[in-house]
Amino acid sequence: MVKKVRKFNYNKDLKKKWKKTKAKENPVVKTEHLKDFWNSKKSIKANYAEMGLCSDPNFTLGIPKTKNILNPEFMEIEKAKQLDQALNESKKETPALKKLIAEANRPVEKVYNLNENDILYCIYMMEKYSEDYAKMAKDYKNYYQDTPAQIRKKINLFKQMKGPYQKYLSDKKAGVDFLDKLDEKY
């Protein structure tokens, strides 16, 4: 019997492979809500089960097989009630689950962004033509040849931005002449 000599494979990065396996065994939890309840000595599946979450959604919400759809099984009413009770008992709301639900239900304020050049462009167009988008589209400073609808969208987006639009309105009330300033900058 001849002993087979193992050759080193230079194409495999063993350090990377070792780091991947280590990361799978001991995952780093970055979510603040889960950090408090995570036990690093337990497996991922056990941690999720303790928190009331599922580790494998395919197992929890399994896709029904065609044979089960075509030939459904019938069960007795009592058996169905027992199964329903067992499901309701397993759906206990844990503190981790309550925190996640509260975070998901919190309203998130949408942030609108326009770059500085687009803000100056919107101010210039609003000052010069107020609400006439057709004339705005024909203006010589419409470098990107935006259509009236595109200009309207940009201006509406500018109006939804809290900081720059409020500053524009306060400056306008103070009597600042924007057209002279914008001709220098824009």
Protein backbone atom coordinates (compact mmCIF):
# COMPACT_ATOMS: atom_id res chain seq x y z
CA MET A 1 0.00 0.00 0.00
CA VAL A 2 1.36 3.35 -1.11
CA LYS A 3 0.90 6.33 1.16
CA LYS A 4 -0.66 9.30 -0.67
CA VAL A 5 1.22 12.56 -0.20
CA ARG A 6 -1.01 15.57 0.47
CA LYS A 7 0.06 18.64 -1.41
CA PHE A 8 -0.56 22.13 -0.14
CA ASN A 9 -3.20 24.03 -2.10
CA TYR A 10 -1.98 27.60 -2.55
CA ASN A 11 -5.33 28.73 -4.01
CA LYS A 12 -7.20 28.24 -0.70
CA ASP A 13 -6.98 30.92 1.95
CA LEU A 14 -7.01 28.85 5.14
CA LYS A 15 -6.98 31.88 7.42
CA LYS A 16 -10.13 33.22 5.72
CA LYS A 17 -11.78 29.78 5.98
CA TRP A 18 -10.92 29.56 9.69
CA LYS A 19 -12.35 33.07 10.32
CA LYS A 20 -15.58 32.15 8.51
CA THR A 21 -16.12 29.02 10.59
CA LYS A 22 -15.31 30.93 13.79
CA ALA A 23 -17.78 33.69 12.84
CA LYS A 24 -20.50 31.10 12.22
CA GLU A 25 -19.90 29.46 15.59
CA ASN A 26 -19.77 32.73 17.56
CA PRO A 27 -21.73 35.41 15.71
CA VAL A 28 -21.34 39.06 16.72
CA VAL A 29 -24.76 40.56 17.47
CA LYS A 30 -24.85 44.22 16.43
CA THR A 31 -28.55 44.95 17.02
CA GLU A 32 -29.03 46.77 20.32
CA HIS A 33 -32.35 45.05 21.02
CA LEU A 34 -30.90 41.58 20.65
CA LYS A 35 -27.58 42.29 22.40
CA ASP A 36 -29.22 42.45 25.82
CA PHE A 37 -30.84 39.04 25.44
CA TRP A 38 -28.08 37.21 23.53
CA ASN A 39 -26.26 34.40 25.33
CA SER A 40 -22.94 33.70 23.61
CA LYS A 41 -22.72 30.24 25.22
CA LYS A 42 -25.87 29.06 23.44
CA SER A 43 -26.30 28.25 19.77
CA ILE A 44 -27.97 30.65 17.34
CA LYS A 45 -31.08 28.46 17.16
CA ALA A 46 -31.37 28.27 20.96
CA ASN A 47 -30.92 32.04 21.34
CA TYR A 48 -33.61 32.78 18.77
CA ALA A 49 -35.99 30.26 20.35
CA GLU A 50 -35.46 31.83 23.77
CA MET A 51 -36.28 35.27 22.34
CA GLY A 52 -39.41 34.01 20.59
CA LEU A 53 -37.99 34.36 17.07
CA CYS A 54 -37.39 31.76 14.39
CA SER A 55 -33.94 30.98 13.07
CA ASP A 56 -35.17 29.42 9.84
CA PRO A 57 -38.22 31.06 8.22
CA ASN A 58 -38.41 28.28 5.63
CA PHE A 59 -39.10 25.84 8.44
CA THR A 60 -41.61 28.11 10.20
CA LEU A 61 -43.50 29.28 7.11
CA GLY A 62 -42.88 26.20 5.01
CA ILE A 63 -44.04 26.28 1.41
CA PRO A 64 -46.82 23.73 1.01
CA LYS A 65 -46.09 20.83 -1.29
CA THR A 66 -48.28 20.31 -4.34
CA LYS A 67 -49.47 16.89 -3.23
CA ASN A 68 -50.72 18.43 0.04
CA ILE A 69 -52.58 21.13 -1.88
CA LEU A 70 -54.20 18.67 -4.28
CA ASN A 71 -55.04 16.04 -1.61
CA PRO A 72 -55.55 17.94 1.65
CA GLU A 73 -55.74 15.97 4.88
CA PHE A 74 -58.87 16.34 6.98
CA MET A 75 -58.57 16.44 10.75
CA GLU A 76 -61.10 16.23 13.53
CA ILE A 77 -62.34 19.40 15.20
CA GLU A 78 -60.92 18.45 18.61
CA LYS A 79 -57.48 17.76 17.16
CA ALA A 80 -57.57 21.12 15.34
CA LYS A 81 -58.47 22.94 18.59
CA GLN A 82 -55.62 21.24 20.44
CA LEU A 83 -53.19 22.19 17.68
CA ASP A 84 -54.43 25.80 17.78
CA GLN A 85 -53.98 25.95 21.57
CA ALA A 86 -50.44 24.59 21.27
CA LEU A 87 -49.61 27.26 18.67
CA ASN A 88 -51.05 30.06 20.84
CA GLU A 89 -49.06 28.86 23.86
CA SER A 90 -45.85 28.86 21.87
CA LYS A 91 -46.45 32.46 20.72
CA LYS A 92 -45.55 34.05 24.06
CA GLU A 93 -44.30 37.61 23.80
CA THR A 94 -40.84 37.75 25.27
CA PRO A 95 -39.20 41.04 26.32
CA ALA A 96 -36.91 40.86 23.27
CA LEU A 97 -39.89 40.38 20.98
CA LYS A 98 -41.72 43.30 22.63
CA LYS A 99 -38.69 45.55 22.09
CA LEU A 100 -38.44 44.54 18.42
CA ILE A 101 -42.17 45.11 17.86
CA ALA A 102 -42.00 48.54 19.54
CA GLU A 103 -39.01 49.49 17.35
CA ALA A 104 -40.80 48.33 14.20
CA ASN A 105 -43.96 50.30 15.07
CA ARG A 106 -42.04 53.53 15.75
CA PRO A 107 -42.68 56.01 12.93
CA VAL A 108 -39.62 56.86 10.89
CA GLU A 109 -39.28 60.35 9.52
CA LYS A 110 -38.28 60.37 5.88
CA VAL A 111 -35.22 62.42 5.01
CA TYR A 112 -35.16 64.24 1.69
CA ASN A 113 -31.86 65.15 0.12
CA LEU A 114 -30.83 67.48 -2.66
CA ASN A 115 -27.28 68.57 -3.31
CA GLU A 116 -26.31 72.21 -2.90
CA ASN A 117 -26.40 72.96 -6.63
CA ASP A 118 -29.94 71.61 -6.95
CA ILE A 119 -31.04 73.70 -3.95
CA LEU A 120 -29.61 76.84 -5.55
CA TYR A 121 -31.25 75.83 -8.84
CA CYS A 122 -34.67 75.47 -7.15
CA ILE A 123 -34.32 78.79 -5.33
CA TYR A 124 -33.31 80.54 -8.56
CA MET A 125 -36.25 79.09 -10.49
CA MET A 126 -38.76 79.84 -7.71
CA GLU A 127 -37.54 83.41 -7.39
CA LYS A 128 -37.54 84.10 -11.10
CA TYR A 129 -40.69 82.27 -12.28
CA SER A 130 -42.56 81.41 -9.01
CA GLU A 131 -44.85 78.55 -10.24
CA ASP A 132 -44.50 78.69 -14.05
CA TYR A 133 -42.73 75.39 -14.77
CA ALA A 134 -42.99 75.72 -18.56
CA LYS A 135 -40.90 78.91 -18.46
CA MET A 136 -38.47 77.28 -16.03
CA ALA A 137 -37.86 74.49 -18.56
CA LYS A 138 -36.91 77.08 -21.19
CA ASP A 139 -34.56 79.03 -18.90
CA TYR A 140 -30.90 79.18 -19.99
CA LYS A 141 -29.76 77.93 -16.56
CA ASN A 142 -31.67 74.68 -17.03
CA TYR A 143 -28.40 72.95 -17.91
CA TYR A 144 -29.71 69.40 -17.76
CA GLN A 145 -32.77 70.28 -19.86
CA ASP A 146 -35.24 69.12 -17.23
CA THR A 147 -38.86 68.93 -18.32
CA PRO A 148 -41.49 70.96 -16.46
CA ALA A 149 -42.57 67.82 -14.57
CA GLN A 150 -38.98 67.07 -13.50
CA ILE A 151 -38.53 70.64 -12.29
CA ARG A 152 -41.83 70.44 -10.37
CA LYS A 153 -40.61 67.24 -8.65
CA LYS A 154 -37.29 68.85 -7.73
CA ILE A 155 -39.00 71.93 -6.30
CA ASN A 156 -41.50 69.81 -4.36
CA LEU A 157 -38.60 67.77 -2.97
CA PHE A 158 -36.89 71.03 -1.97
CA LYS A 159 -40.08 72.18 -0.23
CA GLN A 160 -40.19 68.91 1.76
CA MET A 161 -36.64 69.43 3.06
CA LYS A 162 -36.91 71.01 6.48
CA GLY A 163 -33.63 72.86 6.94
CA PRO A 164 -32.87 74.52 3.60
CA TYR A 165 -36.50 75.39 2.77
CA GLN A 166 -37.12 76.95 6.21
CA LYS A 167 -33.91 78.98 5.84
CA TYR A 168 -35.04 80.10 2.39
CA LEU A 169 -38.44 81.22 3.74
CA SER A 170 -36.91 83.08 6.68
CA ASP A 171 -34.43 84.84 4.39
CA LYS A 172 -37.24 85.73 1.99
CA LYS A 173 -39.25 87.27 4.86
CA ALA A 174 -36.18 89.25 5.87
CA GLY A 175 -36.11 90.73 2.34
CA VAL A 176 -32.99 89.09 0.92
CA ASP A 177 -32.67 89.47 -2.86
CA PHE A 178 -31.75 85.99 -4.05
CA LEU A 179 -31.42 86.65 -7.77
CA ASP A 180 -28.36 88.90 -7.36
CA LYS A 181 -26.68 86.45 -4.99
CA LEU A 182 -27.48 83.42 -7.11
CA ASP A 183 -26.13 85.02 -10.28
CA GLU A 184 -22.75 85.27 -8.54
CA LYS A 185 -22.78 81.69 -7.19
CA TYR A 186 -24.85 79.77 -9.72
